[in-house]
Amino acid sequence: MNRLATVGRRAAKSLGAPDPAEVAVIGHALRSVATEMGAALRRTAFSPNIKERRDYSSAVFSGDGELIAMGDDMPVHLGSMPMSVSAALRWAACTRDRWGRREKSPRRGFGFLR
């Protein structure tokens, strides 16, 4: 390891920047979450389109609707997924409870399946 890399790491730590190893570990963990979502869908599916043809996609998005990680599925669906996620977030933002009051939505830990 050279001195410049060591100085760069110390500077990044002092500025509060994330450690590259941490970023890589978290990135791989999120990718494995997306991959496991696809595997669970495939195992539990009744449709031959999903079970045999593997015609699905799985991904993890942020609360703002930005793509964080995608699974090893069919990437052709990922072109329309951000628009679907933003539409679901808009829908959730205007949901109402049973008394007609606006709910704070999506709540922390809230998820969508499509």
N, C-alpha and C. Protein backbone atom coordinates (compact mmCIF):
# COMPACT_ATOMS: atom_id res chain seq x y z
N MET A 1 0.85 -1.18 0.00
CA MET A 1 0.00 0.00 0.00
C MET A 1 0.90 1.24 0.00
N ASN A 2 0.60 2.18 -0.87
CA ASN A 2 1.46 3.36 -0.93
C ASN A 2 0.99 4.44 0.04
N ARG A 3 1.85 5.42 0.23
CA ARG A 3 1.59 6.48 1.20
C ARG A 3 0.39 7.34 0.79
N LEU A 4 0.24 7.59 -0.49
CA LEU A 4 -0.87 8.41 -0.97
C LEU A 4 -2.23 7.78 -0.65
N ALA A 5 -2.32 6.48 -0.80
CA ALA A 5 -3.57 5.79 -0.47
C ALA A 5 -3.86 5.89 1.02
N THR A 6 -2.82 5.77 1.85
CA THR A 6 -3.01 5.87 3.30
C THR A 6 -3.48 7.27 3.69
N VAL A 7 -2.86 8.28 3.11
CA VAL A 7 -3.25 9.67 3.39
C VAL A 7 -4.69 9.90 2.92
N GLY A 8 -5.03 9.37 1.75
CA GLY A 8 -6.40 9.52 1.23
C GLY A 8 -7.43 8.88 2.14
N ARG A 9 -7.12 7.71 2.68
CA ARG A 9 -8.06 7.03 3.60
C ARG A 9 -8.23 7.83 4.89
N ARG A 10 -7.13 8.37 5.40
CA ARG A 10 -7.23 9.17 6.63
C ARG A 10 -8.06 10.41 6.39
N ALA A 11 -7.88 11.05 5.25
CA ALA A 11 -8.65 12.25 4.92
C ALA A 11 -10.13 11.91 4.78
N ALA A 12 -10.43 10.80 4.14
CA ALA A 12 -11.82 10.39 3.96
C ALA A 12 -12.47 10.10 5.31
N LYS A 13 -11.72 9.44 6.22
CA LYS A 13 -12.27 9.15 7.55
C LYS A 13 -12.51 10.44 8.32
N SER A 14 -11.59 11.40 8.22
CA SER A 14 -11.76 12.65 8.97
C SER A 14 -12.92 13.47 8.43
N LEU A 15 -13.24 13.34 7.15
CA LEU A 15 -14.37 14.07 6.58
C LEU A 15 -15.69 13.35 6.78
N GLY A 16 -15.65 12.17 7.31
CA GLY A 16 -16.86 11.40 7.53
C GLY A 16 -17.31 10.63 6.31
N ALA A 17 -16.44 10.53 5.31
CA ALA A 17 -16.78 9.77 4.11
C ALA A 17 -16.76 8.29 4.44
N PRO A 18 -17.63 7.51 3.81
CA PRO A 18 -17.66 6.07 4.12
C PRO A 18 -16.41 5.36 3.63
N ASP A 19 -16.06 4.34 4.34
CA ASP A 19 -14.93 3.50 3.97
C ASP A 19 -15.29 2.71 2.71
N PRO A 20 -14.42 2.65 1.70
CA PRO A 20 -14.74 1.91 0.48
C PRO A 20 -15.07 0.44 0.73
N ALA A 21 -14.43 -0.17 1.71
CA ALA A 21 -14.74 -1.57 2.02
C ALA A 21 -16.16 -1.68 2.57
N GLU A 22 -16.56 -0.72 3.43
CA GLU A 22 -17.92 -0.70 3.96
C GLU A 22 -18.94 -0.55 2.84
N VAL A 23 -18.66 0.35 1.93
CA VAL A 23 -19.56 0.59 0.80
C VAL A 23 -19.71 -0.68 -0.03
N ALA A 24 -18.61 -1.38 -0.27
CA ALA A 24 -18.65 -2.61 -1.06
C ALA A 24 -19.45 -3.70 -0.34
N VAL A 25 -19.24 -3.84 0.96
CA VAL A 25 -19.96 -4.86 1.72
C VAL A 25 -21.46 -4.57 1.72
N ILE A 26 -21.84 -3.32 1.96
CA ILE A 26 -23.26 -2.96 1.99
C ILE A 26 -23.87 -3.12 0.59
N GLY A 27 -23.13 -2.73 -0.44
CA GLY A 27 -23.62 -2.89 -1.81
C GLY A 27 -23.87 -4.34 -2.17
N HIS A 28 -22.94 -5.21 -1.79
CA HIS A 28 -23.12 -6.65 -2.06
C HIS A 28 -24.28 -7.23 -1.25
N ALA A 29 -24.45 -6.74 -0.02
CA ALA A 29 -25.56 -7.23 0.80
C ALA A 29 -26.90 -6.83 0.18
N LEU A 30 -27.01 -5.59 -0.30
CA LEU A 30 -28.26 -5.16 -0.92
C LEU A 30 -28.52 -5.91 -2.23
N ARG A 31 -27.46 -6.18 -2.97
CA ARG A 31 -27.62 -6.95 -4.20
C ARG A 31 -28.09 -8.37 -3.88
N SER A 32 -27.57 -8.93 -2.80
CA SER A 32 -28.01 -10.28 -2.43
C SER A 32 -29.46 -10.27 -1.95
N VAL A 33 -29.91 -9.17 -1.35
CA VAL A 33 -31.33 -9.05 -0.96
C VAL A 33 -32.20 -9.09 -2.21
N ALA A 34 -31.82 -8.33 -3.23
CA ALA A 34 -32.59 -8.32 -4.48
C ALA A 34 -32.57 -9.70 -5.14
N THR A 35 -31.44 -10.36 -5.12
CA THR A 35 -31.33 -11.69 -5.71
C THR A 35 -32.20 -12.70 -4.96
N GLU A 36 -32.20 -12.61 -3.63
CA GLU A 36 -33.03 -13.51 -2.82
C GLU A 36 -34.52 -13.24 -3.03
N MET A 37 -34.90 -11.98 -3.26
CA MET A 37 -36.30 -11.68 -3.56
C MET A 37 -36.72 -12.41 -4.83
N GLY A 38 -35.87 -12.36 -5.84
CA GLY A 38 -36.18 -13.06 -7.09
C GLY A 38 -36.24 -14.56 -6.90
N ALA A 39 -35.34 -15.11 -6.10
CA ALA A 39 -35.34 -16.56 -5.85
C ALA A 39 -36.61 -16.98 -5.10
N ALA A 40 -37.04 -16.18 -4.14
CA ALA A 40 -38.27 -16.49 -3.40
C ALA A 40 -39.48 -16.42 -4.32
N LEU A 41 -39.50 -15.44 -5.21
CA LEU A 41 -40.60 -15.33 -6.17
C LEU A 41 -40.64 -16.55 -7.08
N ARG A 42 -39.48 -16.96 -7.57
CA ARG A 42 -39.40 -18.12 -8.46
C ARG A 42 -39.86 -19.40 -7.76
N ARG A 43 -39.44 -19.59 -6.50
CA ARG A 43 -39.81 -20.80 -5.75
C ARG A 43 -41.31 -20.87 -5.45
N THR A 44 -41.93 -19.73 -5.22
CA THR A 44 -43.33 -19.74 -4.79
C THR A 44 -44.32 -19.46 -5.92
N ALA A 45 -43.83 -19.24 -7.13
CA ALA A 45 -44.71 -18.87 -8.24
C ALA A 45 -45.52 -20.06 -8.75
N PHE A 46 -46.73 -19.75 -9.22
CA PHE A 46 -47.56 -20.74 -9.89
C PHE A 46 -47.51 -20.56 -11.40
N SER A 47 -47.21 -19.35 -11.83
CA SER A 47 -47.21 -19.04 -13.26
C SER A 47 -45.97 -19.60 -13.95
N PRO A 48 -46.15 -20.24 -15.11
CA PRO A 48 -44.98 -20.73 -15.85
C PRO A 48 -44.12 -19.58 -16.38
N ASN A 49 -44.71 -18.40 -16.55
CA ASN A 49 -43.91 -17.25 -16.99
C ASN A 49 -42.83 -16.92 -15.98
N ILE A 50 -43.14 -17.07 -14.73
CA ILE A 50 -42.17 -16.76 -13.69
C ILE A 50 -41.33 -17.99 -13.36
N LYS A 51 -41.98 -19.11 -13.15
CA LYS A 51 -41.29 -20.33 -12.68
C LYS A 51 -40.35 -20.91 -13.73
N GLU A 52 -40.79 -21.00 -14.97
CA GLU A 52 -39.98 -21.65 -16.00
C GLU A 52 -39.23 -20.66 -16.89
N ARG A 53 -39.91 -19.62 -17.29
CA ARG A 53 -39.28 -18.66 -18.21
C ARG A 53 -38.46 -17.60 -17.49
N ARG A 54 -38.68 -17.49 -16.18
CA ARG A 54 -37.98 -16.49 -15.36
C ARG A 54 -38.18 -15.08 -15.89
N ASP A 55 -39.41 -14.77 -16.23
CA ASP A 55 -39.77 -13.47 -16.80
C ASP A 55 -40.19 -12.52 -15.67
N TYR A 56 -39.24 -12.06 -14.90
CA TYR A 56 -39.48 -11.14 -13.80
C TYR A 56 -38.19 -10.40 -13.48
N SER A 57 -38.30 -9.37 -12.68
CA SER A 57 -37.14 -8.63 -12.20
C SER A 57 -37.35 -8.30 -10.74
N SER A 58 -36.28 -8.17 -10.01
CA SER A 58 -36.35 -7.76 -8.61
C SER A 58 -35.27 -6.72 -8.36
N ALA A 59 -35.61 -5.75 -7.53
CA ALA A 59 -34.68 -4.67 -7.25
C ALA A 59 -35.01 -4.05 -5.90
N VAL A 60 -34.04 -3.34 -5.34
CA VAL A 60 -34.21 -2.59 -4.10
C VAL A 60 -34.11 -1.11 -4.45
N PHE A 61 -35.11 -0.35 -4.01
CA PHE A 61 -35.15 1.08 -4.27
C PHE A 61 -35.10 1.85 -2.96
N SER A 62 -34.64 3.10 -3.03
CA SER A 62 -34.63 3.96 -1.85
C SER A 62 -36.03 4.49 -1.59
N GLY A 63 -36.22 5.18 -0.49
CA GLY A 63 -37.50 5.79 -0.17
C GLY A 63 -37.90 6.87 -1.14
N ASP A 64 -36.92 7.40 -1.88
CA ASP A 64 -37.19 8.42 -2.90
C ASP A 64 -37.45 7.82 -4.27
N GLY A 65 -37.37 6.50 -4.38
CA GLY A 65 -37.63 5.83 -5.64
C GLY A 65 -36.41 5.64 -6.52
N GLU A 66 -35.22 5.80 -5.97
CA GLU A 66 -34.00 5.61 -6.76
C GLU A 66 -33.52 4.16 -6.63
N LEU A 67 -33.05 3.61 -7.74
CA LEU A 67 -32.56 2.24 -7.76
C LEU A 67 -31.29 2.12 -6.93
N ILE A 68 -31.28 1.16 -6.00
CA ILE A 68 -30.10 0.92 -5.17
C ILE A 68 -29.38 -0.34 -5.63
N ALA A 69 -30.14 -1.42 -5.81
CA ALA A 69 -29.53 -2.69 -6.23
C ALA A 69 -30.55 -3.49 -7.02
N MET A 70 -30.07 -4.27 -7.98
CA MET A 70 -30.97 -5.12 -8.75
C MET A 70 -30.47 -6.55 -8.72
N GLY A 71 -31.42 -7.47 -8.86
CA GLY A 71 -31.10 -8.89 -8.82
C GLY A 71 -30.57 -9.39 -10.16
N ASP A 72 -30.32 -10.68 -10.23
CA ASP A 72 -29.79 -11.31 -11.44
C ASP A 72 -30.91 -11.77 -12.34
N ASP A 73 -31.99 -11.03 -12.41
CA ASP A 73 -33.15 -11.44 -13.17
C ASP A 73 -33.09 -10.82 -14.57
N MET A 74 -34.25 -10.66 -15.16
CA MET A 74 -34.34 -10.11 -16.50
C MET A 74 -34.24 -8.58 -16.45
N PRO A 75 -33.12 -8.00 -16.88
CA PRO A 75 -32.93 -6.55 -16.72
C PRO A 75 -33.81 -5.70 -17.63
N VAL A 76 -34.53 -6.30 -18.57
CA VAL A 76 -35.38 -5.53 -19.46
C VAL A 76 -36.49 -4.81 -18.68
N HIS A 77 -36.93 -5.39 -17.56
CA HIS A 77 -37.98 -4.77 -16.76
C HIS A 77 -37.48 -3.56 -15.99
N LEU A 78 -36.19 -3.48 -15.76
CA LEU A 78 -35.67 -2.42 -14.92
C LEU A 78 -35.78 -1.04 -15.58
N GLY A 79 -36.06 -1.00 -16.88
CA GLY A 79 -36.28 0.29 -17.54
C GLY A 79 -37.58 0.94 -17.09
N SER A 80 -38.60 0.15 -16.82
CA SER A 80 -39.88 0.70 -16.40
C SER A 80 -40.07 0.69 -14.89
N MET A 81 -39.21 0.00 -14.18
CA MET A 81 -39.37 -0.09 -12.72
C MET A 81 -39.30 1.25 -12.01
N PRO A 82 -38.35 2.15 -12.32
CA PRO A 82 -38.32 3.43 -11.61
C PRO A 82 -39.62 4.22 -11.75
N MET A 83 -40.24 4.17 -12.93
CA MET A 83 -41.51 4.88 -13.12
C MET A 83 -42.62 4.21 -12.31
N SER A 84 -42.61 2.89 -12.25
CA SER A 84 -43.61 2.17 -11.45
C SER A 84 -43.44 2.47 -9.97
N VAL A 85 -42.20 2.52 -9.53
CA VAL A 85 -41.93 2.80 -8.11
C VAL A 85 -42.35 4.22 -7.77
N SER A 86 -42.04 5.19 -8.64
CA SER A 86 -42.45 6.57 -8.35
C SER A 86 -43.96 6.71 -8.37
N ALA A 87 -44.66 5.97 -9.24
CA ALA A 87 -46.13 6.01 -9.25
C ALA A 87 -46.68 5.40 -7.97
N ALA A 88 -46.08 4.31 -7.48
CA ALA A 88 -46.53 3.70 -6.23
C ALA A 88 -46.28 4.64 -5.05
N LEU A 89 -45.15 5.35 -5.07
CA LEU A 89 -44.88 6.30 -4.00
C LEU A 89 -45.86 7.47 -4.03
N ARG A 90 -46.21 7.94 -5.23
CA ARG A 90 -47.22 9.01 -5.33
C ARG A 90 -48.56 8.52 -4.82
N TRP A 91 -48.92 7.29 -5.16
CA TRP A 91 -50.18 6.72 -4.69
C TRP A 91 -50.18 6.61 -3.16
N ALA A 92 -49.07 6.14 -2.61
CA ALA A 92 -48.99 5.98 -1.16
C ALA A 92 -49.03 7.32 -0.44
N ALA A 93 -48.51 8.35 -1.08
CA ALA A 93 -48.49 9.67 -0.45
C ALA A 93 -49.90 10.25 -0.32
N CYS A 94 -50.84 9.78 -1.13
CA CYS A 94 -52.19 10.34 -1.06
C CYS A 94 -53.20 9.34 -0.50
N THR A 95 -52.74 8.30 0.17
CA THR A 95 -53.69 7.35 0.76
C THR A 95 -54.35 7.97 1.99
N ARG A 96 -55.52 7.49 2.29
CA ARG A 96 -56.28 8.00 3.43
C ARG A 96 -56.65 6.83 4.34
N ASP A 97 -56.79 7.13 5.61
CA ASP A 97 -57.19 6.08 6.54
C ASP A 97 -58.70 5.88 6.46
N ARG A 98 -59.23 5.00 7.29
CA ARG A 98 -60.65 4.66 7.16
C ARG A 98 -61.57 5.81 7.55
N TRP A 99 -61.05 6.86 8.19
CA TRP A 99 -61.87 8.02 8.53
C TRP A 99 -61.69 9.16 7.54
N GLY A 100 -60.95 8.91 6.46
CA GLY A 100 -60.76 9.92 5.43
C GLY A 100 -59.62 10.88 5.67
N ARG A 101 -58.85 10.66 6.73
CA ARG A 101 -57.70 11.53 7.00
C ARG A 101 -56.49 11.03 6.21
N ARG A 102 -55.66 11.97 5.79
CA ARG A 102 -54.43 11.57 5.09
C ARG A 102 -53.50 10.87 6.04
N GLU A 103 -52.97 9.75 5.59
CA GLU A 103 -51.99 9.02 6.40
C GLU A 103 -50.60 9.50 6.04
N LYS A 104 -49.69 9.41 6.99
CA LYS A 104 -48.29 9.65 6.69
C LYS A 104 -47.79 8.40 6.01
N SER A 105 -47.50 8.49 4.76
CA SER A 105 -47.19 7.29 4.03
C SER A 105 -46.15 7.60 2.97
N PRO A 106 -45.28 6.78 2.56
CA PRO A 106 -45.03 5.47 3.14
C PRO A 106 -44.30 5.59 4.48
N ARG A 107 -44.74 4.81 5.42
CA ARG A 107 -44.13 4.82 6.74
C ARG A 107 -42.81 4.07 6.70
N ARG A 108 -42.01 4.29 7.72
CA ARG A 108 -40.71 3.62 7.83
C ARG A 108 -40.93 2.10 7.80
N GLY A 109 -40.18 1.41 6.96
CA GLY A 109 -40.32 -0.02 6.84
C GLY A 109 -41.41 -0.47 5.91
N PHE A 110 -42.09 0.46 5.28
CA PHE A 110 -43.19 0.17 4.37
C PHE A 110 -42.63 -0.35 3.06
N GLY A 111 -43.24 -1.32 2.45
CA GLY A 111 -42.74 -1.87 1.19
C GLY A 111 -43.85 -2.11 0.20
N PHE A 112 -43.49 -2.20 -1.07
CA PHE A 112 -44.43 -2.47 -2.14
C PHE A 112 -44.00 -3.73 -2.87
N LEU A 113 -44.95 -4.52 -3.28
CA LEU A 113 -44.68 -5.66 -4.14
C LEU A 113 -45.44 -5.44 -5.42
N ARG A 114 -44.82 -5.68 -6.51
CA ARG A 114 -45.48 -5.54 -7.81
C ARG A 114 -45.13 -6.71 -8.66
